[in-house]
Protein backbone atom coordinates (compact mmCIF):
# COMPACT_ATOMS: atom_id res chain seq x y z
CA MET A 1 -9.49 17.36 7.34
CA ASP A 2 -12.69 16.03 8.86
CA GLU A 3 -12.01 14.56 12.31
CA ASN A 4 -14.59 11.83 11.57
CA CYS A 5 -12.51 10.51 8.70
CA TYR A 6 -9.72 9.10 10.93
CA VAL A 7 -8.68 5.55 10.08
CA GLU A 8 -6.46 3.34 12.21
CA PRO A 9 -3.41 2.04 10.32
CA ILE A 10 -3.04 -1.73 10.11
CA TYR A 11 0.26 -3.56 10.42
CA LYS A 12 1.49 -6.75 8.82
CA THR A 13 4.33 -8.93 10.07
CA THR A 14 6.67 -9.96 7.29
CA SER A 15 9.85 -12.02 7.36
CA LEU A 16 13.14 -10.87 5.89
CA ASP A 17 12.99 -13.77 3.40
CA GLN A 18 9.70 -12.46 2.03
CA PHE A 19 11.36 -9.11 1.32
CA ARG A 20 14.42 -10.74 -0.26
CA ASN A 21 12.27 -12.60 -2.79
CA ALA A 22 9.92 -9.73 -3.55
CA GLU A 23 9.25 -7.18 -6.26
CA VAL A 24 8.48 -3.49 -5.86
CA ALA A 25 5.63 -1.80 -7.71
CA THR A 26 4.57 1.85 -7.84
CA LEU A 27 1.03 3.05 -8.45
CA ALA A 28 -0.27 6.51 -9.22
CA VAL A 29 -3.16 7.22 -6.84
CA SER A 30 -5.60 10.07 -7.45
CA GLY A 31 -8.15 11.50 -5.06
CA MET A 32 -6.16 11.41 -1.80
CA GLY A 33 -6.96 14.60 0.08
CA CYS A 34 -5.38 13.97 3.47
CA GLU A 35 -3.21 11.59 5.51
CA ASN A 36 -6.29 9.54 6.37
CA CYS A 37 -6.93 8.93 2.66
CA ALA A 38 -3.31 7.79 2.31
CA THR A 39 -3.76 5.45 5.29
CA ARG A 40 -6.87 3.94 3.67
CA VAL A 41 -4.91 3.27 0.48
CA ARG A 42 -2.06 1.76 2.52
CA ASN A 43 -4.42 -0.45 4.52
CA SER A 44 -6.22 -1.65 1.40
CA LEU A 45 -2.97 -2.66 -0.28
CA LEU A 46 -1.67 -4.36 2.87
CA GLU A 47 -4.83 -6.48 3.02
CA LEU A 48 -4.06 -8.00 -0.39
CA GLU A 49 -2.54 -11.47 -0.34
CA GLY A 50 1.11 -11.34 -1.36
CA VAL A 51 1.69 -7.71 -0.36
CA HIS A 52 4.40 -7.43 2.29
CA GLY A 53 4.83 -3.68 2.79
CA VAL A 54 3.41 -0.37 1.56
CA ASP A 55 4.50 3.27 1.54
CA VAL A 56 2.05 5.93 0.37
CA PHE A 57 3.34 9.37 -0.62
CA LEU A 58 0.41 11.75 -0.36
CA ASN A 59 2.24 14.79 -1.77
CA MET A 60 3.36 12.83 -4.86
CA ALA A 61 0.08 10.86 -5.26
CA LEU A 62 2.01 7.58 -5.32
CA ALA A 63 1.87 4.25 -3.52
CA GLU A 64 4.88 1.95 -3.53
CA PHE A 65 4.43 -1.61 -2.37
CA VAL A 66 6.55 -4.71 -1.93
CA MET A 67 4.88 -7.91 -3.10
CA LYS A 68 5.56 -11.56 -3.61
CA ALA A 69 7.32 -11.98 -6.95
CA ARG A 70 4.86 -12.41 -9.84
CA SER A 71 1.82 -12.36 -7.57
CA PHE A 72 0.01 -9.56 -9.42
CA HIS A 73 -0.76 -8.82 -13.01
CA PRO A 74 -1.44 -5.10 -13.62
CA MET A 75 -4.44 -5.79 -15.86
CA ARG A 76 -6.16 -7.86 -13.13
CA CYS A 77 -5.85 -5.38 -10.25
């Protein structure tokens, strides 16, 4: 891992009601080589409107995110 590739994780405050009325989606993510890559993917998803929480699993090449119900259409992302 290149020490110059460090990225600071961002955080988003979300209410319990937002999680109760949310959907979970899982994406396959290729090209992640280190934890910093996974953090970049996580940050990018968290910056999207309607996304409440994100977990990225580097070893499985997956990202799971919680989003506002019906806020995304897979063909438009």
